[in-house]
Amino acid sequence: IARGAVDRGYALIDVEYRLSGEAIFPA
């Protein structure tokens, strides 16, 4: 939903992170 912020004056960073099948908390 944050994609709509780009045209309203923001840079958007869309992040991947390690999922629980790859690494558990606190990864």
PDB file of all heavy atoms in Angstrom:
ATOM      1  N   ILE A   1       0.819  -1.204   0.000  1.00  0.00           N
ATOM      2  CA  ILE A   1       0.000   0.000   0.000  1.00  0.00           C
ATOM      3  C   ILE A   1       0.858   1.261   0.000  1.00  0.00           C
ATOM      4  O   ILE A   1       0.450   2.321  -0.480  1.00  0.00           O
ATOM      5  CB  ILE A   1      -0.959   0.000   1.207  1.00  0.00           C
ATOM      6  CG1 ILE A   1      -1.951   1.159   1.082  1.00  0.00           C
ATOM      7  CG2 ILE A   1      -0.210   0.046   2.521  1.00  0.00           C
ATOM      8  CD1 ILE A   1      -3.013   1.150   2.148  1.00  0.00           C
ATOM      9  N   ALA A   2       2.090   1.154   0.508  1.00  0.00           N
ATOM     10  CA  ALA A   2       2.975   2.320   0.583  1.00  0.00           C
ATOM     11  C   ALA A   2       3.429   2.794  -0.794  1.00  0.00           C
ATOM     12  O   ALA A   2       3.981   3.891  -0.922  1.00  0.00           O
ATOM     13  CB  ALA A   2       4.198   1.997   1.441  1.00  0.00           C
ATOM     14  N   ARG A   3       3.172   1.992  -1.832  1.00  0.00           N
ATOM     15  CA  ARG A   3       3.568   2.385  -3.197  1.00  0.00           C
ATOM     16  C   ARG A   3       2.957   3.731  -3.566  1.00  0.00           C
ATOM     17  O   ARG A   3       3.558   4.518  -4.302  1.00  0.00           O
ATOM     18  CB  ARG A   3       3.115   1.293  -4.165  1.00  0.00           C
ATOM     19  CG  ARG A   3       3.384   1.559  -5.633  1.00  0.00           C
ATOM     20  CD  ARG A   3       4.865   1.548  -5.944  1.00  0.00           C
ATOM     21  NE  ARG A   3       5.087   1.681  -7.382  1.00  0.00           N
ATOM     22  CZ  ARG A   3       5.034   2.823  -8.051  1.00  0.00           C
ATOM     23  NH1 ARG A   3       4.757   3.952  -7.401  1.00  0.00           N
ATOM     24  NH2 ARG A   3       5.259   2.869  -9.340  1.00  0.00           N
ATOM     25  N   GLY A   4       1.775   4.010  -3.036  1.00  0.00           N
ATOM     26  CA  GLY A   4       1.097   5.264  -3.347  1.00  0.00           C
ATOM     27  C   GLY A   4       1.763   6.484  -2.750  1.00  0.00           C
ATOM     28  O   GLY A   4       1.419   7.621  -3.105  1.00  0.00           O
ATOM     29  N   ALA A   5       2.726   6.270  -1.845  1.00  0.00           N
ATOM     30  CA  ALA A   5       3.410   7.409  -1.226  1.00  0.00           C
ATOM     31  C   ALA A   5       4.451   8.036  -2.140  1.00  0.00           C
ATOM     32  O   ALA A   5       4.867   9.180  -1.924  1.00  0.00           O
ATOM     33  CB  ALA A   5       4.091   6.952   0.073  1.00  0.00           C
ATOM     34  N   VAL A   6       4.864   7.312  -3.172  1.00  0.00           N
ATOM     35  CA  VAL A   6       5.967   7.782  -4.030  1.00  0.00           C
ATOM     36  C   VAL A   6       5.595   9.067  -4.762  1.00  0.00           C
ATOM     37  O   VAL A   6       6.420   9.984  -4.896  1.00  0.00           O
ATOM     38  CB  VAL A   6       6.370   6.674  -5.023  1.00  0.00           C
ATOM     39  CG1 VAL A   6       7.471   7.164  -5.968  1.00  0.00           C
ATOM     40  CG2 VAL A   6       6.852   5.428  -4.268  1.00  0.00           C
ATOM     41  N   ASP A   7       4.366   9.142  -5.239  1.00  0.00           N
ATOM     42  CA  ASP A   7       3.922  10.344  -5.958  1.00  0.00           C
ATOM     43  C   ASP A   7       3.542  11.484  -5.020  1.00  0.00           C
ATOM     44  O   ASP A   7       3.157  12.553  -5.465  1.00  0.00           O
ATOM     45  CB  ASP A   7       2.726  10.009  -6.858  1.00  0.00           C
ATOM     46  CG  ASP A   7       3.122   9.109  -8.018  1.00  0.00           C
ATOM     47  OD1 ASP A   7       4.268   9.211  -8.479  1.00  0.00           O
ATOM     48  OD2 ASP A   7       2.283   8.287  -8.440  1.00  0.00           O
ATOM     49  N   ARG A   8       3.637  11.232  -3.719  1.00  0.00           N
ATOM     50  CA  ARG A   8       3.267  12.256  -2.745  1.00  0.00           C
ATOM     51  C   ARG A   8       4.484  12.791  -1.991  1.00  0.00           C
ATOM     52  O   ARG A   8       4.357  13.306  -0.882  1.00  0.00           O
ATOM     53  CB  ARG A   8       2.235  11.693  -1.772  1.00  0.00           C
ATOM     54  CG  ARG A   8       0.989  11.157  -2.470  1.00  0.00           C
ATOM     55  CD  ARG A   8      -0.161  11.061  -1.523  1.00  0.00           C
ATOM     56  NE  ARG A   8      -1.256  10.254  -2.047  1.00  0.00           N
ATOM     57  CZ  ARG A   8      -2.422  10.109  -1.449  1.00  0.00           C
ATOM     58  NH1 ARG A   8      -2.640  10.713  -0.285  1.00  0.00           N
ATOM     59  NH2 ARG A   8      -3.367   9.369  -1.960  1.00  0.00           N
ATOM     60  N   GLY A   9       5.652  12.627  -2.608  1.00  0.00           N
ATOM     61  CA  GLY A   9       6.830  13.286  -2.054  1.00  0.00           C
ATOM     62  C   GLY A   9       7.736  12.431  -1.195  1.00  0.00           C
ATOM     63  O   GLY A   9       8.553  12.970  -0.442  1.00  0.00           O
ATOM     64  N   TYR A  10       7.609  11.093  -1.302  1.00  0.00           N
ATOM     65  CA  TYR A  10       8.438  10.203  -0.491  1.00  0.00           C
ATOM     66  C   TYR A  10       9.272   9.271  -1.357  1.00  0.00           C
ATOM     67  O   TYR A  10       8.843   8.857  -2.443  1.00  0.00           O
ATOM     68  CB  TYR A  10       7.564   9.343   0.429  1.00  0.00           C
ATOM     69  CG  TYR A  10       6.887  10.139   1.512  1.00  0.00           C
ATOM     70  CD1 TYR A  10       5.636  10.721   1.292  1.00  0.00           C
ATOM     71  CD2 TYR A  10       7.495  10.333   2.743  1.00  0.00           C
ATOM     72  CE1 TYR A  10       5.018  11.474   2.272  1.00  0.00           C
ATOM     73  CE2 TYR A  10       6.885  11.082   3.740  1.00  0.00           C
ATOM     74  CZ  TYR A  10       5.645  11.648   3.496  1.00  0.00           C
ATOM     75  OH  TYR A  10       5.033  12.396   4.469  1.00  0.00           O
ATOM     76  N   ALA A  11      10.455   8.935  -0.862  1.00  0.00           N
ATOM     77  CA  ALA A  11      11.193   7.800  -1.408  1.00  0.00           C
ATOM     78  C   ALA A  11      10.680   6.567  -0.672  1.00  0.00           C
ATOM     79  O   ALA A  11      10.422   6.610   0.529  1.00  0.00           O
ATOM     80  CB  ALA A  11      12.681   7.965  -1.172  1.00  0.00           C
ATOM     81  N   LEU A  12      10.502   5.484  -1.400  1.00  0.00           N
ATOM     82  CA  LEU A  12       9.993   4.244  -0.803  1.00  0.00           C
ATOM     83  C   LEU A  12      11.076   3.173  -0.865  1.00  0.00           C
ATOM     84  O   LEU A  12      11.681   2.937  -1.917  1.00  0.00           O
ATOM     85  CB  LEU A  12       8.749   3.767  -1.550  1.00  0.00           C
ATOM     86  CG  LEU A  12       8.193   2.403  -1.118  1.00  0.00           C
ATOM     87  CD1 LEU A  12       7.716   2.459   0.327  1.00  0.00           C
ATOM     88  CD2 LEU A  12       7.057   1.965  -2.048  1.00  0.00           C
ATOM     89  N   ILE A  13      11.312   2.535   0.268  1.00  0.00           N
ATOM     90  CA  ILE A  13      12.236   1.410   0.352  1.00  0.00           C
ATOM     91  C   ILE A  13      11.413   0.159   0.648  1.00  0.00           C
ATOM     92  O   ILE A  13      10.723   0.091   1.663  1.00  0.00           O
ATOM     93  CB  ILE A  13      13.275   1.611   1.485  1.00  0.00           C
ATOM     94  CG1 ILE A  13      14.031   2.931   1.309  1.00  0.00           C
ATOM     95  CG2 ILE A  13      14.225   0.419   1.552  1.00  0.00           C
ATOM     96  CD1 ILE A  13      14.998   2.973   0.174  1.00  0.00           C
ATOM     97  N   ASP A  14      11.463  -0.814  -0.240  1.00  0.00           N
ATOM     98  CA  ASP A  14      10.712  -2.065  -0.097  1.00  0.00           C
ATOM     99  C   ASP A  14      11.716  -3.172   0.246  1.00  0.00           C
ATOM    100  O   ASP A  14      12.592  -3.491  -0.553  1.00  0.00           O
ATOM    101  CB  ASP A  14       9.988  -2.363  -1.411  1.00  0.00           C
ATOM    102  CG  ASP A  14       9.048  -3.553  -1.319  1.00  0.00           C
ATOM    103  OD1 ASP A  14       8.878  -4.097  -0.221  1.00  0.00           O
ATOM    104  OD2 ASP A  14       8.487  -3.936  -2.368  1.00  0.00           O
ATOM    105  N   VAL A  15      11.587  -3.746   1.438  1.00  0.00           N
ATOM    106  CA  VAL A  15      12.646  -4.584   2.013  1.00  0.00           C
ATOM    107  C   VAL A  15      12.260  -6.062   2.049  1.00  0.00           C
ATOM    108  O   VAL A  15      11.130  -6.413   2.393  1.00  0.00           O
ATOM    109  CB  VAL A  15      12.941  -4.118   3.462  1.00  0.00           C
ATOM    110  CG1 VAL A  15      13.965  -5.024   4.134  1.00  0.00           C
ATOM    111  CG2 VAL A  15      13.430  -2.676   3.461  1.00  0.00           C
ATOM    112  N   GLU A  16      13.206  -6.925   1.692  1.00  0.00           N
ATOM    113  CA  GLU A  16      13.051  -8.339   2.003  1.00  0.00           C
ATOM    114  C   GLU A  16      13.788  -8.619   3.309  1.00  0.00           C
ATOM    115  O   GLU A  16      14.736  -7.908   3.668  1.00  0.00           O
ATOM    116  CB  GLU A  16      13.620  -9.226   0.892  1.00  0.00           C
ATOM    117  CG  GLU A  16      15.137  -9.329   0.864  1.00  0.00           C
ATOM    118  CD  GLU A  16      15.645 -10.514   0.047  1.00  0.00           C
ATOM    119  OE1 GLU A  16      14.841 -11.354  -0.382  1.00  0.00           O
ATOM    120  OE2 GLU A  16      16.863 -10.584  -0.167  1.00  0.00           O
ATOM    121  N   TYR A  17      13.329  -9.630   4.005  1.00  0.00           N
ATOM    122  CA  TYR A  17      14.004 -10.053   5.227  1.00  0.00           C
ATOM    123  C   TYR A  17      13.945 -11.577   5.289  1.00  0.00           C
ATOM    124  O   TYR A  17      13.131 -12.215   4.603  1.00  0.00           O
ATOM    125  CB  TYR A  17      13.359  -9.427   6.469  1.00  0.00           C
ATOM    126  CG  TYR A  17      11.861  -9.638   6.602  1.00  0.00           C
ATOM    127  CD1 TYR A  17      11.337 -10.759   7.256  1.00  0.00           C
ATOM    128  CD2 TYR A  17      10.960  -8.716   6.070  1.00  0.00           C
ATOM    129  CE1 TYR A  17       9.973 -10.950   7.384  1.00  0.00           C
ATOM    130  CE2 TYR A  17       9.584  -8.911   6.194  1.00  0.00           C
ATOM    131  CZ  TYR A  17       9.100 -10.023   6.844  1.00  0.00           C
ATOM    132  OH  TYR A  17       7.748 -10.215   6.962  1.00  0.00           O
ATOM    133  N   ARG A  18      14.799 -12.167   6.098  1.00  0.00           N
ATOM    134  CA  ARG A  18      14.820 -13.625   6.192  1.00  0.00           C
ATOM    135  C   ARG A  18      13.522 -14.131   6.824  1.00  0.00           C
ATOM    136  O   ARG A  18      13.104 -13.642   7.872  1.00  0.00           O
ATOM    137  CB  ARG A  18      16.028 -14.078   7.008  1.00  0.00           C
ATOM    138  CG  ARG A  18      17.348 -13.974   6.257  1.00  0.00           C
ATOM    139  CD  ARG A  18      18.520 -14.251   7.165  1.00  0.00           C
ATOM    140  NE  ARG A  18      18.724 -13.154   8.118  1.00  0.00           N
ATOM    141  CZ  ARG A  18      19.537 -13.223   9.166  1.00  0.00           C
ATOM    142  NH1 ARG A  18      20.205 -14.336   9.411  1.00  0.00           N
ATOM    143  NH2 ARG A  18      19.668 -12.181   9.972  1.00  0.00           N
ATOM    144  N   LEU A  19      12.905 -15.087   6.169  1.00  0.00           N
ATOM    145  CA  LEU A  19      11.671 -15.673   6.666  1.00  0.00           C
ATOM    146  C   LEU A  19      11.984 -16.776   7.671  1.00  0.00           C
ATOM    147  O   LEU A  19      13.119 -17.250   7.763  1.00  0.00           O
ATOM    148  CB  LEU A  19      10.841 -16.204   5.498  1.00  0.00           C
ATOM    149  CG  LEU A  19      10.496 -15.168   4.409  1.00  0.00           C
ATOM    150  CD1 LEU A  19       9.743 -15.834   3.271  1.00  0.00           C
ATOM    151  CD2 LEU A  19       9.687 -14.009   4.987  1.00  0.00           C
ATOM    152  N   SER A  20      10.959 -17.188   8.418  1.00  0.00           N
ATOM    153  CA  SER A  20      11.199 -18.136   9.511  1.00  0.00           C
ATOM    154  C   SER A  20      11.674 -19.498   9.027  1.00  0.00           C
ATOM    155  O   SER A  20      12.319 -20.229   9.781  1.00  0.00           O
ATOM    156  CB  SER A  20       9.928 -18.292  10.351  1.00  0.00           C
ATOM    157  OG  SER A  20       8.831 -18.724   9.561  1.00  0.00           O
ATOM    158  N   GLY A  21      11.380 -19.861   7.762  1.00  0.00           N
ATOM    159  CA  GLY A  21      11.888 -21.115   7.219  1.00  0.00           C
ATOM    160  C   GLY A  21      13.377 -21.075   6.960  1.00  0.00           C
ATOM    161  O   GLY A  21      14.033 -22.120   6.839  1.00  0.00           O
ATOM    162  N   GLU A  22      13.932 -19.873   6.869  1.00  0.00           N
ATOM    163  CA  GLU A  22      15.368 -19.693   6.641  1.00  0.00           C
ATOM    164  C   GLU A  22      16.109 -19.418   7.933  1.00  0.00           C
ATOM    165  O   GLU A  22      17.221 -19.912   8.155  1.00  0.00           O
ATOM    166  CB  GLU A  22      15.589 -18.543   5.655  1.00  0.00           C
ATOM    167  CG  GLU A  22      17.042 -18.238   5.364  1.00  0.00           C
ATOM    168  CD  GLU A  22      17.228 -17.101   4.377  1.00  0.00           C
ATOM    169  OE1 GLU A  22      16.219 -16.595   3.828  1.00  0.00           O
ATOM    170  OE2 GLU A  22      18.387 -16.709   4.137  1.00  0.00           O
ATOM    171  N   ALA A  23      15.514 -18.610   8.799  1.00  0.00           N
ATOM    172  CA  ALA A  23      16.155 -18.257  10.074  1.00  0.00           C
ATOM    173  C   ALA A  23      15.081 -17.809  11.046  1.00  0.00           C
ATOM    174  O   ALA A  23      14.166 -17.069  10.685  1.00  0.00           O
ATOM    175  CB  ALA A  23      17.183 -17.143   9.865  1.00  0.00           C
ATOM    176  N   ILE A  24      15.185 -18.253  12.301  1.00  0.00           N
ATOM    177  CA  ILE A  24      14.183 -17.877  13.299  1.00  0.00           C
ATOM    178  C   ILE A  24      14.547 -16.537  13.939  1.00  0.00           C
ATOM    179  O   ILE A  24      15.626 -15.977  13.694  1.00  0.00           O
ATOM    180  CB  ILE A  24      14.023 -18.972  14.375  1.00  0.00           C
ATOM    181  CG1 ILE A  24      15.318 -19.152  15.183  1.00  0.00           C
ATOM    182  CG2 ILE A  24      13.598 -20.292  13.738  1.00  0.00           C
ATOM    183  CD1 ILE A  24      15.154 -20.025  16.430  1.00  0.00           C
ATOM    184  N   PHE A  25      13.619 -16.032  14.771  1.00  0.00           N
ATOM    185  CA  PHE A  25      13.860 -14.821  15.541  1.00  0.00           C
ATOM    186  C   PHE A  25      15.209 -14.939  16.272  1.00  0.00           C
ATOM    187  O   PHE A  25      15.551 -16.009  16.781  1.00  0.00           O
ATOM    188  CB  PHE A  25      12.720 -14.654  16.551  1.00  0.00           C
ATOM    189  CG  PHE A  25      12.979 -13.629  17.615  1.00  0.00           C
ATOM    190  CD1 PHE A  25      12.687 -12.302  17.396  1.00  0.00           C
ATOM    191  CD2 PHE A  25      13.541 -13.992  18.835  1.00  0.00           C
ATOM    192  CE1 PHE A  25      12.934 -11.354  18.365  1.00  0.00           C
ATOM    193  CE2 PHE A  25      13.801 -13.050  19.812  1.00  0.00           C
ATOM    194  CZ  PHE A  25      13.499 -11.731  19.576  1.00  0.00           C
ATOM    195  N   PRO A  26      16.027 -13.868  16.309  1.00  0.00           N
ATOM    196  CA  PRO A  26      15.714 -12.473  15.963  1.00  0.00           C
ATOM    197  C   PRO A  26      16.173 -12.037  14.569  1.00  0.00           C
ATOM    198  O   PRO A  26      16.385 -10.851  14.346  1.00  0.00           O
ATOM    199  CB  PRO A  26      16.476 -11.703  17.032  1.00  0.00           C
ATOM    200  CG  PRO A  26      17.736 -12.504  17.220  1.00  0.00           C
ATOM    201  CD  PRO A  26      17.301 -13.947  17.079  1.00  0.00           C
ATOM    202  N   ALA A  27      16.350 -12.984  13.646  1.00  0.00           N
ATOM    203  CA  ALA A  27      16.863 -12.635  12.319  1.00  0.00           C
ATOM    204  C   ALA A  27      16.040 -11.536  11.657  1.00  0.00           C
ATOM    205  O   ALA A  27      16.586 -10.617  11.033  1.00  0.00           O
ATOM    206  CB  ALA A  27      16.889 -13.878  11.431  1.00  0.00           C
TER     207      ALA A  27
END
